[in-house]
ModelCIF file with pLDDT and N, C-alpha, C, O atoms, coordinates in Angstrom:
data_MODEL
#
_entry.id   MODEL 
#
_entity.id                         1 
_entity.type                       polymer 
_entity.pdbx_number_of_molecules   1 
#
_entity_poly.entity_id                      1 
_entity_poly.type                           'polypeptide(L)' 
_entity_poly.nstd_linkage                   no 
_entity_poly.nstd_monomer                   no 
_entity_poly.pdbx_seq_one_letter_code       MGELHLEIIRDRLFREFKVEAEAGKPQISYRETITVAADG 
_entity_poly.pdbx_seq_one_letter_code_can   MGELHLEIIRDRLFREFKVEAEAGKPQISYRETITVAADG 
_entity_poly.pdbx_strand_id                 A 
#
loop_
_entity_poly_seq.entity_id 
_entity_poly_seq.num 
_entity_poly_seq.mon_id 
_entity_poly_seq.hetero 
1 1  MET n 
1 2  GLY n 
1 3  GLU n 
1 4  LEU n 
1 5  HIS n 
1 6  LEU n 
1 7  GLU n 
1 8  ILE n 
1 9  ILE n 
1 10 ARG n 
1 11 ASP n 
1 12 ARG n 
1 13 LEU n 
1 14 PHE n 
1 15 ARG n 
1 16 GLU n 
1 17 PHE n 
1 18 LYS n 
1 19 VAL n 
1 20 GLU n 
1 21 ALA n 
1 22 GLU n 
1 23 ALA n 
1 24 GLY n 
1 25 LYS n 
1 26 PRO n 
1 27 GLN n 
1 28 ILE n 
1 29 SER n 
1 30 TYR n 
1 31 ARG n 
1 32 GLU n 
1 33 THR n 
1 34 ILE n 
1 35 THR n 
1 36 VAL n 
1 37 ALA n 
1 38 ALA n 
1 39 ASP n 
1 40 GLY n 
#
_struct_asym.id          A 
_struct_asym.entity_id   1 
#
loop_
_ma_qa_metric.id 
_ma_qa_metric.mode 
_ma_qa_metric.name 
_ma_qa_metric.software_group_id 
_ma_qa_metric.type 
1 global pLDDT . pLDDT 
2 local  pLDDT . pLDDT 
#
_ma_qa_metric_global.metric_id      1 
_ma_qa_metric_global.metric_value   80.47 
_ma_qa_metric_global.model_id       1 
_ma_qa_metric_global.ordinal_id     1 
#
loop_
_ma_qa_metric_local.label_asym_id 
_ma_qa_metric_local.label_comp_id 
_ma_qa_metric_local.label_seq_id 
_ma_qa_metric_local.metric_id 
_ma_qa_metric_local.metric_value 
_ma_qa_metric_local.model_id 
_ma_qa_metric_local.ordinal_id 
A MET 1  2 71.00 1 1  
A GLY 2  2 64.00 1 2  
A GLU 3  2 66.00 1 3  
A LEU 4  2 71.00 1 4  
A HIS 5  2 77.00 1 5  
A LEU 6  2 80.00 1 6  
A GLU 7  2 78.00 1 7  
A ILE 8  2 80.00 1 8  
A ILE 9  2 82.00 1 9  
A ARG 10 2 81.00 1 10 
A ASP 11 2 80.00 1 11 
A ARG 12 2 80.00 1 12 
A LEU 13 2 82.00 1 13 
A PHE 14 2 80.00 1 14 
A ARG 15 2 77.00 1 15 
A GLU 16 2 79.00 1 16 
A PHE 17 2 81.00 1 17 
A LYS 18 2 83.00 1 18 
A VAL 19 2 83.00 1 19 
A GLU 20 2 81.00 1 20 
A ALA 21 2 79.00 1 21 
A GLU 22 2 80.00 1 22 
A ALA 23 2 77.00 1 23 
A GLY 24 2 76.00 1 24 
A LYS 25 2 66.00 1 25 
A PRO 26 2 57.00 1 26 
A GLN 27 2 59.00 1 27 
A ILE 28 2 71.00 1 28 
A SER 29 2 71.00 1 29 
A TYR 30 2 83.00 1 30 
A ARG 31 2 89.00 1 31 
A GLU 32 2 92.00 1 32 
A THR 33 2 94.00 1 33 
A ILE 34 2 95.00 1 34 
A THR 35 2 94.00 1 35 
A VAL 36 2 96.00 1 36 
A ALA 37 2 96.00 1 37 
A ALA 38 2 96.00 1 38 
A ASP 39 2 96.00 1 39 
A GLY 40 2 96.00 1 40 
#
loop_
_atom_site.group_PDB 
_atom_site.id 
_atom_site.type_symbol 
_atom_site.label_atom_id 
_atom_site.label_alt_id 
_atom_site.label_comp_id 
_atom_site.label_asym_id 
_atom_site.label_entity_id 
_atom_site.label_seq_id 
_atom_site.pdbx_PDB_ins_code 
_atom_site.Cartn_x 
_atom_site.Cartn_y 
_atom_site.Cartn_z 
_atom_site.occupancy 
_atom_site.B_iso_or_equiv 
_atom_site.pdbx_formal_charge 
_atom_site.auth_seq_id 
_atom_site.auth_comp_id 
_atom_site.auth_asym_id 
_atom_site.auth_atom_id 
_atom_site.pdbx_PDB_model_num 
ATOM 1   N N  . MET A 1 1  ? 34.456 -14.133 6.820   1.00 71.00 ? 1  MET A N  1 
ATOM 2   C CA . MET A 1 1  ? 35.991 -14.180 6.994   1.00 71.00 ? 1  MET A CA 1 
ATOM 3   C C  . MET A 1 1  ? 35.313 -15.674 5.938   1.00 71.00 ? 1  MET A C  1 
ATOM 4   O O  . MET A 1 1  ? 36.500 -15.942 5.757   1.00 71.00 ? 1  MET A O  1 
ATOM 5   N N  . GLY A 1 2  ? 34.752 -16.499 5.354   1.00 64.00 ? 2  GLY A N  1 
ATOM 6   C CA . GLY A 1 2  ? 34.863 -17.635 5.555   1.00 64.00 ? 2  GLY A CA 1 
ATOM 7   C C  . GLY A 1 2  ? 33.663 -18.371 5.459   1.00 64.00 ? 2  GLY A C  1 
ATOM 8   O O  . GLY A 1 2  ? 32.865 -18.193 6.379   1.00 64.00 ? 2  GLY A O  1 
ATOM 9   N N  . GLU A 1 3  ? 33.405 -19.013 4.723   1.00 66.00 ? 3  GLU A N  1 
ATOM 10  C CA . GLU A 1 3  ? 32.382 -20.278 4.157   1.00 66.00 ? 3  GLU A CA 1 
ATOM 11  C C  . GLU A 1 3  ? 31.120 -20.617 5.277   1.00 66.00 ? 3  GLU A C  1 
ATOM 12  O O  . GLU A 1 3  ? 29.893 -20.586 5.370   1.00 66.00 ? 3  GLU A O  1 
ATOM 13  N N  . LEU A 1 4  ? 32.301 -20.947 6.021   1.00 71.00 ? 4  LEU A N  1 
ATOM 14  C CA . LEU A 1 4  ? 31.476 -21.313 7.295   1.00 71.00 ? 4  LEU A CA 1 
ATOM 15  C C  . LEU A 1 4  ? 30.724 -20.155 8.154   1.00 71.00 ? 4  LEU A C  1 
ATOM 16  O O  . LEU A 1 4  ? 29.658 -20.404 8.716   1.00 71.00 ? 4  LEU A O  1 
ATOM 17  N N  . HIS A 1 5  ? 31.534 -18.462 8.250   1.00 77.00 ? 5  HIS A N  1 
ATOM 18  C CA . HIS A 1 5  ? 31.328 -17.175 8.973   1.00 77.00 ? 5  HIS A CA 1 
ATOM 19  C C  . HIS A 1 5  ? 29.727 -17.477 7.969   1.00 77.00 ? 5  HIS A C  1 
ATOM 20  O O  . HIS A 1 5  ? 29.126 -18.333 8.617   1.00 77.00 ? 5  HIS A O  1 
ATOM 21  N N  . LEU A 1 6  ? 29.290 -17.286 7.318   1.00 80.00 ? 6  LEU A N  1 
ATOM 22  C CA . LEU A 1 6  ? 28.851 -16.880 6.324   1.00 80.00 ? 6  LEU A CA 1 
ATOM 23  C C  . LEU A 1 6  ? 27.708 -18.423 6.410   1.00 80.00 ? 6  LEU A C  1 
ATOM 24  O O  . LEU A 1 6  ? 26.678 -17.845 6.757   1.00 80.00 ? 6  LEU A O  1 
ATOM 25  N N  . GLU A 1 7  ? 27.486 -19.260 6.354   1.00 78.00 ? 7  GLU A N  1 
ATOM 26  C CA . GLU A 1 7  ? 27.029 -20.125 6.521   1.00 78.00 ? 7  GLU A CA 1 
ATOM 27  C C  . GLU A 1 7  ? 26.651 -20.111 7.521   1.00 78.00 ? 7  GLU A C  1 
ATOM 28  O O  . GLU A 1 7  ? 25.634 -20.774 7.725   1.00 78.00 ? 7  GLU A O  1 
ATOM 29  N N  . ILE A 1 8  ? 27.138 -19.511 8.427   1.00 80.00 ? 8  ILE A N  1 
ATOM 30  C CA . ILE A 1 8  ? 26.528 -19.092 10.482  1.00 80.00 ? 8  ILE A CA 1 
ATOM 31  C C  . ILE A 1 8  ? 25.558 -17.889 10.309  1.00 80.00 ? 8  ILE A C  1 
ATOM 32  O O  . ILE A 1 8  ? 24.447 -17.796 10.829  1.00 80.00 ? 8  ILE A O  1 
ATOM 33  N N  . ILE A 1 9  ? 26.309 -16.760 9.290   1.00 82.00 ? 9  ILE A N  1 
ATOM 34  C CA . ILE A 1 9  ? 24.884 -16.083 9.674   1.00 82.00 ? 9  ILE A CA 1 
ATOM 35  C C  . ILE A 1 9  ? 23.660 -16.103 9.360   1.00 82.00 ? 9  ILE A C  1 
ATOM 36  O O  . ILE A 1 9  ? 22.722 -15.521 9.905   1.00 82.00 ? 9  ILE A O  1 
ATOM 37  N N  . ARG A 1 10 ? 23.675 -17.179 7.950   1.00 81.00 ? 10 ARG A N  1 
ATOM 38  C CA . ARG A 1 10 ? 22.991 -17.254 7.333   1.00 81.00 ? 10 ARG A CA 1 
ATOM 39  C C  . ARG A 1 10 ? 21.719 -18.221 8.148   1.00 81.00 ? 10 ARG A C  1 
ATOM 40  O O  . ARG A 1 10 ? 20.520 -18.059 7.918   1.00 81.00 ? 10 ARG A O  1 
ATOM 41  N N  . ASP A 1 11 ? 22.288 -19.252 9.144   1.00 80.00 ? 11 ASP A N  1 
ATOM 42  C CA . ASP A 1 11 ? 21.225 -20.612 9.817   1.00 80.00 ? 11 ASP A CA 1 
ATOM 43  C C  . ASP A 1 11 ? 21.000 -19.250 10.582  1.00 80.00 ? 11 ASP A C  1 
ATOM 44  O O  . ASP A 1 11 ? 19.819 -18.942 10.421  1.00 80.00 ? 11 ASP A O  1 
ATOM 45  N N  . ARG A 1 12 ? 21.870 -18.005 11.599  1.00 80.00 ? 12 ARG A N  1 
ATOM 46  C CA . ARG A 1 12 ? 21.216 -17.442 12.021  1.00 80.00 ? 12 ARG A CA 1 
ATOM 47  C C  . ARG A 1 12 ? 20.130 -16.001 11.696  1.00 80.00 ? 12 ARG A C  1 
ATOM 48  O O  . ARG A 1 12 ? 19.649 -15.369 12.637  1.00 80.00 ? 12 ARG A O  1 
ATOM 49  N N  . LEU A 1 13 ? 19.967 -15.780 10.819  1.00 82.00 ? 13 LEU A N  1 
ATOM 50  C CA . LEU A 1 13 ? 19.221 -15.586 10.184  1.00 82.00 ? 13 LEU A CA 1 
ATOM 51  C C  . LEU A 1 13 ? 17.592 -15.895 10.443  1.00 82.00 ? 13 LEU A C  1 
ATOM 52  O O  . LEU A 1 13 ? 16.671 -15.416 11.105  1.00 82.00 ? 13 LEU A O  1 
ATOM 53  N N  . PHE A 1 14 ? 17.822 -17.022 9.482   1.00 80.00 ? 14 PHE A N  1 
ATOM 54  C CA . PHE A 1 14 ? 16.956 -18.216 10.076  1.00 80.00 ? 14 PHE A CA 1 
ATOM 55  C C  . PHE A 1 14 ? 16.408 -18.472 11.190  1.00 80.00 ? 14 PHE A C  1 
ATOM 56  O O  . PHE A 1 14 ? 15.241 -18.081 11.194  1.00 80.00 ? 14 PHE A O  1 
ATOM 57  N N  . ARG A 1 15 ? 16.904 -19.226 12.676  1.00 77.00 ? 15 ARG A N  1 
ATOM 58  C CA . ARG A 1 15 ? 16.824 -18.933 13.817  1.00 77.00 ? 15 ARG A CA 1 
ATOM 59  C C  . ARG A 1 15 ? 15.776 -17.187 14.604  1.00 77.00 ? 15 ARG A C  1 
ATOM 60  O O  . ARG A 1 15 ? 14.635 -16.897 14.963  1.00 77.00 ? 15 ARG A O  1 
ATOM 61  N N  . GLU A 1 16 ? 17.349 -16.429 14.466  1.00 79.00 ? 16 GLU A N  1 
ATOM 62  C CA . GLU A 1 16 ? 16.849 -15.465 14.733  1.00 79.00 ? 16 GLU A CA 1 
ATOM 63  C C  . GLU A 1 16 ? 16.048 -14.290 14.569  1.00 79.00 ? 16 GLU A C  1 
ATOM 64  O O  . GLU A 1 16 ? 15.432 -13.532 15.319  1.00 79.00 ? 16 GLU A O  1 
ATOM 65  N N  . PHE A 1 17 ? 16.309 -14.412 13.046  1.00 81.00 ? 17 PHE A N  1 
ATOM 66  C CA . PHE A 1 17 ? 15.113 -13.358 12.587  1.00 81.00 ? 17 PHE A CA 1 
ATOM 67  C C  . PHE A 1 17 ? 13.951 -14.212 11.610  1.00 81.00 ? 17 PHE A C  1 
ATOM 68  O O  . PHE A 1 17 ? 13.162 -13.511 10.976  1.00 81.00 ? 17 PHE A O  1 
ATOM 69  N N  . LYS A 1 18 ? 13.862 -15.497 11.507  1.00 83.00 ? 18 LYS A N  1 
ATOM 70  C CA . LYS A 1 18 ? 12.635 -15.820 10.452  1.00 83.00 ? 18 LYS A CA 1 
ATOM 71  C C  . LYS A 1 18 ? 12.987 -16.030 9.137   1.00 83.00 ? 18 LYS A C  1 
ATOM 72  O O  . LYS A 1 18 ? 12.316 -16.443 8.191   1.00 83.00 ? 18 LYS A O  1 
ATOM 73  N N  . VAL A 1 19 ? 14.319 -15.629 9.229   1.00 83.00 ? 19 VAL A N  1 
ATOM 74  C CA . VAL A 1 19 ? 13.907 -15.692 7.065   1.00 83.00 ? 19 VAL A CA 1 
ATOM 75  C C  . VAL A 1 19 ? 14.360 -16.262 7.034   1.00 83.00 ? 19 VAL A C  1 
ATOM 76  O O  . VAL A 1 19 ? 15.031 -16.621 8.002   1.00 83.00 ? 19 VAL A O  1 
ATOM 77  N N  . GLU A 1 20 ? 14.390 -17.152 5.250   1.00 81.00 ? 20 GLU A N  1 
ATOM 78  C CA . GLU A 1 20 ? 13.958 -17.723 4.867   1.00 81.00 ? 20 GLU A CA 1 
ATOM 79  C C  . GLU A 1 20 ? 14.757 -17.202 3.377   1.00 81.00 ? 20 GLU A C  1 
ATOM 80  O O  . GLU A 1 20 ? 14.144 -16.829 2.377   1.00 81.00 ? 20 GLU A O  1 
ATOM 81  N N  . ALA A 1 21 ? 16.119 -17.272 3.492   1.00 79.00 ? 21 ALA A N  1 
ATOM 82  C CA . ALA A 1 21 ? 17.239 -16.521 2.451   1.00 79.00 ? 21 ALA A CA 1 
ATOM 83  C C  . ALA A 1 21 ? 17.697 -17.930 1.309   1.00 79.00 ? 21 ALA A C  1 
ATOM 84  O O  . ALA A 1 21 ? 17.519 -19.086 1.692   1.00 79.00 ? 21 ALA A O  1 
ATOM 85  N N  . GLU A 1 22 ? 18.128 -17.711 0.291   1.00 80.00 ? 22 GLU A N  1 
ATOM 86  C CA . GLU A 1 22 ? 18.527 -18.105 -0.861  1.00 80.00 ? 22 GLU A CA 1 
ATOM 87  C C  . GLU A 1 22 ? 20.268 -17.240 -0.622  1.00 80.00 ? 22 GLU A C  1 
ATOM 88  O O  . GLU A 1 22 ? 20.301 -16.087 -0.194  1.00 80.00 ? 22 GLU A O  1 
ATOM 89  N N  . ALA A 1 23 ? 21.531 -17.980 -0.959  1.00 77.00 ? 23 ALA A N  1 
ATOM 90  C CA . ALA A 1 23 ? 23.001 -17.217 -1.672  1.00 77.00 ? 23 ALA A CA 1 
ATOM 91  C C  . ALA A 1 23 ? 23.152 -18.017 -2.528  1.00 77.00 ? 23 ALA A C  1 
ATOM 92  O O  . ALA A 1 23 ? 22.770 -19.139 -2.863  1.00 77.00 ? 23 ALA A O  1 
ATOM 93  N N  . GLY A 1 24 ? 23.954 -17.026 -2.908  1.00 76.00 ? 24 GLY A N  1 
ATOM 94  C CA . GLY A 1 24 ? 24.749 -17.359 -4.906  1.00 76.00 ? 24 GLY A CA 1 
ATOM 95  C C  . GLY A 1 24 ? 25.591 -16.449 -4.755  1.00 76.00 ? 24 GLY A C  1 
ATOM 96  O O  . GLY A 1 24 ? 25.480 -15.374 -4.165  1.00 76.00 ? 24 GLY A O  1 
ATOM 97  N N  . LYS A 1 25 ? 26.726 -17.038 -5.479  1.00 66.00 ? 25 LYS A N  1 
ATOM 98  C CA . LYS A 1 25 ? 27.808 -15.973 -6.616  1.00 66.00 ? 25 LYS A CA 1 
ATOM 99  C C  . LYS A 1 25 ? 27.435 -14.107 -6.275  1.00 66.00 ? 25 LYS A C  1 
ATOM 100 O O  . LYS A 1 25 ? 26.269 -13.714 -6.271  1.00 66.00 ? 25 LYS A O  1 
ATOM 101 N N  . PRO A 1 26 ? 28.003 -13.649 -6.151  1.00 57.00 ? 26 PRO A N  1 
ATOM 102 C CA . PRO A 1 26 ? 27.996 -12.435 -6.735  1.00 57.00 ? 26 PRO A CA 1 
ATOM 103 C C  . PRO A 1 26 ? 27.867 -12.539 -8.440  1.00 57.00 ? 26 PRO A C  1 
ATOM 104 O O  . PRO A 1 26 ? 28.015 -13.667 -8.910  1.00 57.00 ? 26 PRO A O  1 
ATOM 105 N N  . GLN A 1 27 ? 27.692 -11.805 -9.056  1.00 59.00 ? 27 GLN A N  1 
ATOM 106 C CA . GLN A 1 27 ? 27.981 -11.856 -9.866  1.00 59.00 ? 27 GLN A CA 1 
ATOM 107 C C  . GLN A 1 27 ? 29.346 -10.578 -10.360 1.00 59.00 ? 27 GLN A C  1 
ATOM 108 O O  . GLN A 1 27 ? 29.112 -9.601  -9.649  1.00 59.00 ? 27 GLN A O  1 
ATOM 109 N N  . ILE A 1 28 ? 30.597 -10.265 -11.262 1.00 71.00 ? 28 ILE A N  1 
ATOM 110 C CA . ILE A 1 28 ? 31.192 -9.970  -10.558 1.00 71.00 ? 28 ILE A CA 1 
ATOM 111 C C  . ILE A 1 28 ? 30.683 -8.308  -11.780 1.00 71.00 ? 28 ILE A C  1 
ATOM 112 O O  . ILE A 1 28 ? 30.171 -8.196  -12.893 1.00 71.00 ? 28 ILE A O  1 
ATOM 113 N N  . SER A 1 29 ? 31.112 -7.509  -10.915 1.00 71.00 ? 29 SER A N  1 
ATOM 114 C CA . SER A 1 29 ? 31.314 -5.851  -11.948 1.00 71.00 ? 29 SER A CA 1 
ATOM 115 C C  . SER A 1 29 ? 32.478 -6.034  -13.200 1.00 71.00 ? 29 SER A C  1 
ATOM 116 O O  . SER A 1 29 ? 33.647 -5.833  -12.871 1.00 71.00 ? 29 SER A O  1 
ATOM 117 N N  . TYR A 1 30 ? 32.244 -6.342  -14.375 1.00 83.00 ? 30 TYR A N  1 
ATOM 118 C CA . TYR A 1 30 ? 33.031 -6.181  -14.943 1.00 83.00 ? 30 TYR A CA 1 
ATOM 119 C C  . TYR A 1 30 ? 33.034 -4.606  -16.056 1.00 83.00 ? 30 TYR A C  1 
ATOM 120 O O  . TYR A 1 30 ? 32.144 -3.762  -16.168 1.00 83.00 ? 30 TYR A O  1 
ATOM 121 N N  . ARG A 1 31 ? 34.203 -4.668  -16.646 1.00 89.00 ? 31 ARG A N  1 
ATOM 122 C CA . ARG A 1 31 ? 33.391 -3.351  -17.621 1.00 89.00 ? 31 ARG A CA 1 
ATOM 123 C C  . ARG A 1 31 ? 34.384 -3.762  -18.887 1.00 89.00 ? 31 ARG A C  1 
ATOM 124 O O  . ARG A 1 31 ? 35.112 -4.752  -18.966 1.00 89.00 ? 31 ARG A O  1 
ATOM 125 N N  . GLU A 1 32 ? 34.090 -2.163  -20.334 1.00 92.00 ? 32 GLU A N  1 
ATOM 126 C CA . GLU A 1 32 ? 34.060 -2.729  -21.254 1.00 92.00 ? 32 GLU A CA 1 
ATOM 127 C C  . GLU A 1 32 ? 34.766 -1.418  -21.387 1.00 92.00 ? 32 GLU A C  1 
ATOM 128 O O  . GLU A 1 32 ? 34.628 -0.425  -20.674 1.00 92.00 ? 32 GLU A O  1 
ATOM 129 N N  . THR A 1 33 ? 35.759 -1.632  -22.706 1.00 94.00 ? 33 THR A N  1 
ATOM 130 C CA . THR A 1 33 ? 36.749 -0.149  -23.357 1.00 94.00 ? 33 THR A CA 1 
ATOM 131 C C  . THR A 1 33 ? 37.290 -0.295  -24.229 1.00 94.00 ? 33 THR A C  1 
ATOM 132 O O  . THR A 1 33 ? 37.729 -1.425  -24.443 1.00 94.00 ? 33 THR A O  1 
ATOM 133 N N  . ILE A 1 34 ? 37.484 0.551   -24.982 1.00 95.00 ? 34 ILE A N  1 
ATOM 134 C CA . ILE A 1 34 ? 37.861 0.369   -26.212 1.00 95.00 ? 34 ILE A CA 1 
ATOM 135 C C  . ILE A 1 34 ? 38.657 0.697   -26.417 1.00 95.00 ? 34 ILE A C  1 
ATOM 136 O O  . ILE A 1 34 ? 39.284 1.344   -25.579 1.00 95.00 ? 34 ILE A O  1 
ATOM 137 N N  . THR A 1 35 ? 39.383 0.351   -28.261 1.00 94.00 ? 35 THR A N  1 
ATOM 138 C CA . THR A 1 35 ? 41.096 0.134   -28.205 1.00 94.00 ? 35 THR A CA 1 
ATOM 139 C C  . THR A 1 35 ? 41.649 1.392   -29.482 1.00 94.00 ? 35 THR A C  1 
ATOM 140 O O  . THR A 1 35 ? 42.474 2.304   -29.442 1.00 94.00 ? 35 THR A O  1 
ATOM 141 N N  . VAL A 1 36 ? 41.034 1.048   -30.186 1.00 96.00 ? 36 VAL A N  1 
ATOM 142 C CA . VAL A 1 36 ? 41.306 2.440   -31.032 1.00 96.00 ? 36 VAL A CA 1 
ATOM 143 C C  . VAL A 1 36 ? 40.147 3.564   -31.149 1.00 96.00 ? 36 VAL A C  1 
ATOM 144 O O  . VAL A 1 36 ? 39.029 3.535   -30.635 1.00 96.00 ? 36 VAL A O  1 
ATOM 145 N N  . ALA A 1 37 ? 40.695 4.511   -31.929 1.00 96.00 ? 37 ALA A N  1 
ATOM 146 C CA . ALA A 1 37 ? 39.592 5.563   -32.432 1.00 96.00 ? 37 ALA A CA 1 
ATOM 147 C C  . ALA A 1 37 ? 38.581 4.712   -33.394 1.00 96.00 ? 37 ALA A C  1 
ATOM 148 O O  . ALA A 1 37 ? 38.715 3.510   -33.620 1.00 96.00 ? 37 ALA A O  1 
ATOM 149 N N  . ALA A 1 38 ? 37.400 5.660   -33.995 1.00 96.00 ? 38 ALA A N  1 
ATOM 150 C CA . ALA A 1 38 ? 36.325 5.131   -34.531 1.00 96.00 ? 38 ALA A CA 1 
ATOM 151 C C  . ALA A 1 38 ? 35.710 6.168   -34.336 1.00 96.00 ? 38 ALA A C  1 
ATOM 152 O O  . ALA A 1 38 ? 35.697 6.899   -33.345 1.00 96.00 ? 38 ALA A O  1 
ATOM 153 N N  . ASP A 1 39 ? 34.886 6.282   -35.849 1.00 96.00 ? 39 ASP A N  1 
ATOM 154 C CA . ASP A 1 39 ? 33.354 7.477   -36.309 1.00 96.00 ? 39 ASP A CA 1 
ATOM 155 C C  . ASP A 1 39 ? 31.791 6.970   -35.752 1.00 96.00 ? 39 ASP A C  1 
ATOM 156 O O  . ASP A 1 39 ? 31.536 5.851   -36.197 1.00 96.00 ? 39 ASP A O  1 
ATOM 157 N N  . GLY A 1 40 ? 31.195 7.276   -35.281 1.00 96.00 ? 40 GLY A N  1 
ATOM 158 C CA . GLY A 1 40 ? 29.765 6.937   -35.319 1.00 96.00 ? 40 GLY A CA 1 
ATOM 159 C C  . GLY A 1 40 ? 29.293 8.304   -35.575 1.00 96.00 ? 40 GLY A C  1 
ATOM 160 O O  . GLY A 1 40 ? 28.088 8.530   -35.691 1.00 96.00 ? 40 GLY A O  1 
#
């Protein structure tokens, strides 16, 4: 629900489950497509 929420989750992982973890932004799953017909 927010940055504080996930910060608390990370903190609980460390304190209650003894897990050291790094967090970062997820990669966005982009897509590609074509716009005209072509031979290959």
